[in-house]
Amino acid sequence: MLAVLNRVGQAVLTLAAAGALVFGMLAVTPGDPAQRVLQARGITEPTPAAVAAVRAELRLDEPLPVRFGRWAGDAVRGDLGVSWRTGRPVSTEFADRLPATLRLTVAALGLAVGAALLLGTVAALGAGRWPDTLARGIALGALVVPSFVLGVVLIDVLVVRAGLGRVIADGTWATVFLPALVLALGSVAIWSRVLRTSLLEAGSATHLRVAAARGAGPVRRLLVHQLPNALAPFLTMVGLGTASLIGGAAIVESVFTWPGVGRFTVEAINGRDMPVVVGFTLVAVVAYVLASLLIDLLCAGIDPRLRSPR
């Protein structure tokens, strides 16, 4: 219980520090937020009185610590401010697009975990031989090719020339495979190599020689004895990588015109819509910290050696 409370406390402190940094991004943004809000409302040349009224509405004249406290309280309640471009609440804009992003992330996570388990186990079983070399080559290729380049190539080759899939994705399961594949490949490269290393380390244990002496074959030793001992580092990478999938979805969503939060954030960056950018950053940080906490607790449940307070 003490270890759990310690990890939860670390997560809370991390979120508090991250929130302060995210608010700092919003506070130091160049330009007058009041003018941007008025421009989003269709007032291209606002008068000084209108600017002053909006500044009072947004409470921009309050001291910075007071603004931070109010912003933090609103963020805890799910209020991320108002978009300077659309004039709608950022949380509402995100909520409208979140199902598509979650659909893409879940599909990419399933592909990444399945492919990483396959490549990692094949590489471990054939360590030092051609299966290991082939798995390493696939992982290296998936890692070095940028996701936007791979996305453009897949659209040109599979969609435009071969007629498989659609050029414009609509955010449904019917069009999720290609963007999910592109989003998953970078994670597959890292996770498969981590799993291979962990499996080989677990394979050097003494009880593996006893199992072999009792007639257990390589596959049985790998699945029954090595894999459970190698899951902790693999799950750690999966947990942290899941949060990074949400952050990395922005590029893939833009390439495949996927109607998700990431694409909306890229458009906000182009339009210098800082409340949306800051809101997305905060959501990504929260997802990363929560995923890290859950995987930390899960690994502690799998491996008793990790349960001591740190």
Protein backbone atom coordinates (compact mmCIF):
# COMPACT_ATOMS: atom_id res chain seq x y z
CA MET A 1 0.00 0.00 0.00
CA LEU A 2 2.85 2.38 0.83
CA ALA A 3 4.42 1.73 -2.57
CA VAL A 4 1.11 2.48 -4.28
CA LEU A 5 0.66 5.74 -2.39
CA ASN A 6 4.25 6.69 -3.20
CA ARG A 7 3.70 6.17 -6.92
CA VAL A 8 0.38 8.04 -6.87
CA GLY A 9 2.06 10.94 -5.05
CA GLN A 10 4.80 11.07 -7.67
CA ALA A 11 2.17 11.14 -10.41
CA VAL A 12 0.30 14.02 -8.74
CA LEU A 13 3.50 16.05 -8.33
CA THR A 14 4.43 15.39 -11.96
CA LEU A 15 1.02 16.57 -13.13
CA ALA A 16 1.28 19.72 -11.01
CA ALA A 17 4.72 20.57 -12.43
CA ALA A 18 3.57 19.83 -15.96
CA GLY A 19 0.51 22.02 -15.47
CA ALA A 20 2.70 24.92 -14.40
CA LEU A 21 4.89 24.52 -17.48
CA VAL A 22 1.87 24.29 -19.78
CA PHE A 23 0.38 27.45 -18.28
CA GLY A 24 3.74 29.15 -18.78
CA MET A 25 3.45 28.38 -22.50
CA LEU A 26 0.12 30.17 -22.58
CA ALA A 27 1.33 33.12 -20.52
CA VAL A 28 4.42 33.91 -22.62
CA THR A 29 2.72 33.54 -26.00
CA PRO A 30 3.35 36.66 -28.10
CA GLY A 31 0.38 38.73 -29.18
CA ASP A 32 -2.75 39.87 -27.42
CA PRO A 33 -5.23 37.02 -26.77
CA ALA A 34 -8.09 39.53 -26.65
CA GLN A 35 -7.40 40.65 -30.22
CA ARG A 36 -7.27 37.04 -31.43
CA VAL A 37 -10.59 36.27 -29.76
CA LEU A 38 -12.16 39.29 -31.44
CA GLN A 39 -10.71 38.30 -34.81
CA ALA A 40 -12.19 34.83 -34.35
CA ARG A 41 -15.54 36.51 -33.78
CA GLY A 42 -15.24 38.27 -37.13
CA ILE A 43 -13.99 41.65 -35.88
CA THR A 44 -10.90 42.22 -38.01
CA GLU A 45 -10.12 45.71 -36.69
CA PRO A 46 -11.23 45.80 -33.04
CA THR A 47 -11.42 49.11 -31.21
CA PRO A 48 -9.40 49.67 -28.02
CA ALA A 49 -12.65 49.59 -26.04
CA ALA A 50 -13.57 46.19 -27.49
CA VAL A 51 -10.10 44.83 -26.75
CA ALA A 52 -10.31 46.11 -23.18
CA ALA A 53 -13.74 44.53 -22.73
CA VAL A 54 -12.49 41.13 -23.90
CA ARG A 55 -9.39 41.41 -21.71
CA ALA A 56 -11.69 42.02 -18.76
CA GLU A 57 -13.87 39.09 -19.87
CA LEU A 58 -10.82 36.81 -19.99
CA ARG A 59 -9.44 38.34 -16.76
CA LEU A 60 -6.10 38.98 -18.42
CA ASP A 61 -5.43 41.99 -16.19
CA GLU A 62 -5.27 39.85 -13.03
CA PRO A 63 -1.89 38.98 -11.47
CA LEU A 64 -0.19 35.94 -12.98
CA PRO A 65 -0.47 33.73 -9.83
CA VAL A 66 -4.22 34.43 -9.65
CA ARG A 67 -4.64 33.56 -13.33
CA PHE A 68 -2.68 30.35 -12.85
CA GLY A 69 -4.82 29.31 -9.89
CA ARG A 70 -8.01 29.98 -11.83
CA TRP A 71 -6.65 28.22 -14.93
CA ALA A 72 -5.56 25.18 -12.89
CA GLY A 73 -8.95 24.97 -11.20
CA ASP A 74 -10.72 25.16 -14.54
CA ALA A 75 -8.40 22.52 -16.04
CA VAL A 76 -9.14 20.11 -13.19
CA ARG A 77 -12.85 20.51 -13.98
CA GLY A 78 -12.18 19.88 -17.69
CA ASP A 79 -12.39 23.52 -18.79
CA LEU A 80 -9.43 24.18 -21.13
CA GLY A 81 -10.47 27.66 -22.19
CA VAL A 82 -11.93 28.97 -25.44
CA SER A 83 -10.46 28.50 -28.90
CA TRP A 84 -9.27 31.78 -30.41
CA ARG A 85 -10.25 30.59 -33.90
CA THR A 86 -13.66 29.03 -33.40
CA GLY A 87 -14.83 30.81 -30.26
CA ARG A 88 -15.99 27.46 -28.83
CA PRO A 89 -14.70 25.79 -25.64
CA VAL A 90 -11.56 23.76 -26.28
CA SER A 91 -12.96 20.84 -24.30
CA THR A 92 -16.01 20.79 -26.60
CA GLU A 93 -13.82 20.84 -29.71
CA PHE A 94 -11.76 17.97 -28.32
CA ALA A 95 -14.83 15.98 -27.26
CA ASP A 96 -16.24 16.18 -30.80
CA ARG A 97 -13.02 14.74 -32.25
CA LEU A 98 -11.88 12.44 -29.44
CA PRO A 99 -13.78 9.30 -30.59
CA ALA A 100 -11.92 9.33 -33.92
CA THR A 101 -8.55 9.77 -32.19
CA LEU A 102 -9.29 6.98 -29.70
CA ARG A 103 -10.39 4.72 -32.55
CA LEU A 104 -7.11 5.36 -34.33
CA THR A 105 -5.04 4.92 -31.16
CA VAL A 106 -6.74 1.65 -30.18
CA ALA A 107 -6.24 0.21 -33.65
CA ALA A 108 -2.60 1.32 -33.74
CA LEU A 109 -2.01 -0.11 -30.25
CA GLY A 110 -3.43 -3.48 -31.25
CA LEU A 111 -1.29 -3.64 -34.38
CA ALA A 112 1.82 -2.50 -32.52
CA VAL A 113 1.49 -5.00 -29.66
CA GLY A 114 0.72 -7.90 -31.98
CA ALA A 115 3.58 -7.14 -34.36
CA ALA A 116 6.05 -6.47 -31.51
CA LEU A 117 5.21 -9.77 -29.82
CA LEU A 118 5.65 -11.62 -33.11
CA LEU A 119 8.94 -9.95 -34.10
CA GLY A 120 10.35 -10.08 -30.57
CA THR A 121 9.65 -13.77 -30.02
CA VAL A 122 10.85 -14.75 -33.50
CA ALA A 123 14.07 -12.78 -32.98
CA ALA A 124 14.63 -14.36 -29.56
CA LEU A 125 14.00 -17.89 -30.84
CA GLY A 126 16.39 -17.34 -33.76
CA ALA A 127 18.95 -15.19 -31.95
CA GLY A 128 22.09 -14.81 -34.02
CA ARG A 129 20.50 -16.45 -37.07
CA TRP A 130 18.54 -15.23 -40.07
CA PRO A 131 15.19 -14.79 -38.23
CA ASP A 132 16.91 -12.42 -35.83
CA THR A 133 18.55 -10.53 -38.70
CA LEU A 134 15.26 -10.28 -40.57
CA ALA A 135 13.40 -9.01 -37.49
CA ARG A 136 16.14 -6.46 -36.84
CA GLY A 137 15.98 -5.24 -40.44
CA ILE A 138 12.20 -4.82 -40.28
CA ALA A 139 12.44 -2.96 -36.98
CA LEU A 140 15.20 -0.69 -38.27
CA GLY A 141 13.27 0.11 -41.43
CA ALA A 142 10.14 0.94 -39.44
CA LEU A 143 12.13 3.18 -37.12
CA VAL A 144 14.13 5.26 -39.60
CA VAL A 145 11.34 6.06 -42.09
CA PRO A 146 9.37 9.14 -40.92
CA SER A 147 5.67 8.50 -40.43
CA PHE A 148 4.58 11.28 -42.78
CA VAL A 149 6.80 9.93 -45.58
CA LEU A 150 5.47 6.41 -45.10
CA GLY A 151 1.91 7.72 -45.01
CA VAL A 152 2.30 9.60 -48.28
CA VAL A 153 3.90 6.54 -49.94
CA LEU A 154 1.11 4.22 -48.75
CA ILE A 155 -1.56 6.64 -49.97
CA ASP A 156 0.11 6.89 -53.38
CA VAL A 157 0.83 3.17 -53.83
CA LEU A 158 -2.09 1.43 -52.12
CA VAL A 159 -4.90 3.96 -52.33
CA VAL A 160 -4.29 6.00 -55.50
CA ARG A 161 -2.65 3.35 -57.70
CA ALA A 162 -4.00 0.07 -56.31
CA GLY A 163 -7.42 1.43 -55.36
CA LEU A 164 -7.29 -0.04 -51.83
CA GLY A 165 -8.86 2.18 -49.20
CA ARG A 166 -9.85 5.83 -49.42
CA VAL A 167 -7.80 8.97 -49.95
CA ILE A 168 -9.86 10.88 -47.37
CA ALA A 169 -10.40 8.98 -44.12
CA ASP A 170 -13.71 9.62 -42.38
CA GLY A 171 -12.74 8.53 -38.87
CA THR A 172 -14.58 5.18 -38.97
CA TRP A 173 -13.28 1.64 -38.52
CA ALA A 174 -13.61 1.12 -42.28
CA THR A 175 -10.75 3.56 -42.98
CA VAL A 176 -8.63 3.08 -39.86
CA PHE A 177 -6.19 0.38 -41.01
CA LEU A 178 -3.69 2.41 -43.06
CA PRO A 179 -3.32 5.36 -40.63
CA ALA A 180 -3.17 2.94 -37.69
CA LEU A 181 -0.45 0.93 -39.44
CA VAL A 182 1.65 4.03 -40.05
CA LEU A 183 1.16 5.20 -36.47
CA ALA A 184 2.08 1.79 -35.06
CA LEU A 185 5.29 1.08 -36.98
CA GLY A 186 7.58 3.29 -34.92
CA SER A 187 6.41 1.64 -31.71
CA VAL A 188 6.78 -1.84 -33.21
CA ALA A 189 10.46 -1.20 -33.90
CA ILE A 190 11.25 -0.22 -30.30
CA TRP A 191 8.95 -2.63 -28.48
CA SER A 192 10.10 -5.69 -30.44
CA ARG A 193 13.78 -5.03 -29.68
CA VAL A 194 13.03 -4.46 -25.99
CA LEU A 195 11.09 -7.74 -25.87
CA ARG A 196 13.87 -9.62 -27.65
CA THR A 197 16.48 -8.36 -25.17
CA SER A 198 14.28 -9.17 -22.18
CA LEU A 199 13.55 -12.68 -23.48
CA LEU A 200 17.24 -13.40 -24.00
CA GLU A 201 18.07 -12.11 -20.51
CA ALA A 202 15.34 -14.28 -19.01
CA GLY A 203 16.65 -17.24 -21.00
CA SER A 204 19.96 -17.17 -19.12
CA ALA A 205 18.31 -18.08 -15.80
CA THR A 206 19.27 -21.34 -14.08
CA HIS A 207 15.74 -22.75 -14.01
CA LEU A 208 15.71 -22.69 -17.83
CA ARG A 209 18.46 -25.30 -17.88
CA VAL A 210 16.43 -27.43 -15.48
CA ALA A 211 13.37 -27.08 -17.72
CA ALA A 212 15.46 -28.08 -20.74
CA ALA A 213 16.79 -31.10 -18.88
CA ARG A 214 13.22 -32.17 -18.17
CA GLY A 215 12.46 -32.15 -21.87
CA ALA A 216 10.91 -28.71 -22.38
CA GLY A 217 11.42 -27.54 -25.96
CA PRO A 218 12.59 -24.06 -27.01
CA VAL A 219 9.07 -22.80 -27.74
CA ARG A 220 7.69 -24.05 -24.41
CA ARG A 221 10.61 -22.55 -22.50
CA LEU A 222 10.09 -19.25 -24.30
CA LEU A 223 6.33 -18.99 -23.74
CA VAL A 224 6.03 -20.57 -20.28
CA HIS A 225 9.25 -19.49 -18.56
CA GLN A 226 10.89 -16.61 -20.40
CA LEU A 227 7.92 -14.53 -21.55
CA PRO A 228 6.35 -13.98 -18.08
CA ASN A 229 9.72 -12.77 -16.76
CA ALA A 230 10.18 -10.47 -19.76
CA LEU A 231 6.74 -8.85 -19.62
CA ALA A 232 7.57 -6.11 -17.07
CA PRO A 233 9.95 -4.07 -19.28
CA PHE A 234 7.81 -4.78 -22.34
CA LEU A 235 4.64 -3.57 -20.61
CA THR A 236 6.49 -0.47 -19.43
CA MET A 237 7.37 0.40 -23.00
CA VAL A 238 3.81 -0.33 -24.15
CA GLY A 239 2.33 1.87 -21.44
CA LEU A 240 4.58 4.81 -22.16
CA GLY A 241 4.26 4.24 -25.89
CA THR A 242 0.47 4.27 -25.70
CA ALA A 243 0.53 7.83 -24.41
CA SER A 244 3.03 8.79 -27.08
CA LEU A 245 0.70 7.36 -29.74
CA ILE A 246 -1.83 10.04 -28.80
CA GLY A 247 0.81 12.75 -29.14
CA GLY A 248 2.17 11.28 -32.38
CA ALA A 249 -1.26 10.94 -33.94
CA ALA A 250 -1.22 14.59 -35.01
CA ILE A 251 1.08 14.01 -37.99
CA VAL A 252 -0.64 10.81 -39.10
CA GLU A 253 -4.08 12.40 -38.80
CA SER A 254 -2.95 15.32 -40.94
CA VAL A 255 -1.50 13.06 -43.65
CA PHE A 256 -4.62 10.87 -43.84
CA THR A 257 -7.08 13.75 -43.18
CA TRP A 258 -8.26 11.84 -40.13
CA PRO A 259 -10.86 13.98 -38.29
CA GLY A 260 -9.29 13.71 -34.86
CA VAL A 261 -7.87 15.87 -32.11
CA GLY A 262 -4.36 15.72 -33.56
CA ARG A 263 -5.34 17.15 -36.93
CA PHE A 264 -7.37 19.88 -35.20
CA THR A 265 -4.30 20.76 -33.12
CA VAL A 266 -2.08 20.99 -36.20
CA GLU A 267 -4.57 23.43 -37.70
CA ALA A 268 -4.50 25.36 -34.41
CA ILE A 269 -0.69 25.55 -34.57
CA ASN A 270 -0.90 26.98 -38.07
CA GLY A 271 -3.47 29.51 -36.83
CA ARG A 272 -1.52 30.23 -33.59
CA ASP A 273 -4.56 29.19 -31.57
CA MET A 274 -2.70 28.77 -28.28
CA PRO A 275 -5.56 27.59 -26.02
CA VAL A 276 -6.01 24.57 -28.31
CA VAL A 277 -2.25 23.89 -28.48
CA VAL A 278 -1.88 24.21 -24.71
CA GLY A 279 -4.97 22.08 -24.12
CA PHE A 280 -3.65 19.31 -26.36
CA THR A 281 -0.28 19.45 -24.62
CA LEU A 282 -1.95 19.15 -21.23
CA VAL A 283 -4.10 16.21 -22.37
CA ALA A 284 -1.03 14.43 -23.76
CA VAL A 285 0.89 14.98 -20.51
CA VAL A 286 -2.01 13.68 -18.41
CA ALA A 287 -2.30 10.60 -20.64
CA TYR A 288 1.45 9.98 -20.36
CA VAL A 289 1.51 10.29 -16.56
CA LEU A 290 -1.59 8.15 -16.03
CA ALA A 291 -0.34 5.47 -18.41
CA SER A 292 3.02 5.47 -16.64
CA LEU A 293 1.31 5.12 -13.25
CA LEU A 294 -0.95 2.27 -14.37
CA ILE A 295 1.87 0.33 -16.00
CA ASP A 296 4.09 0.92 -12.96
CA LEU A 297 1.43 -0.58 -10.70
CA LEU A 298 0.80 -3.44 -13.12
CA CYS A 299 4.49 -4.30 -13.33
CA ALA A 300 4.72 -4.21 -9.53
CA GLY A 301 1.87 -6.72 -9.42
CA ILE A 302 3.65 -9.00 -11.89
CA ASP A 303 7.13 -8.73 -10.37
CA PRO A 304 7.25 -8.64 -6.53
CA ARG A 305 10.76 -7.14 -6.68
CA LEU A 306 9.25 -3.88 -7.92
CA ARG A 307 6.85 -3.41 -5.00
CA SER A 308 9.29 -1.77 -2.59
CA PRO A 309 8.86 2.03 -2.19
CA ARG A 310 11.18 4.13 -4.37
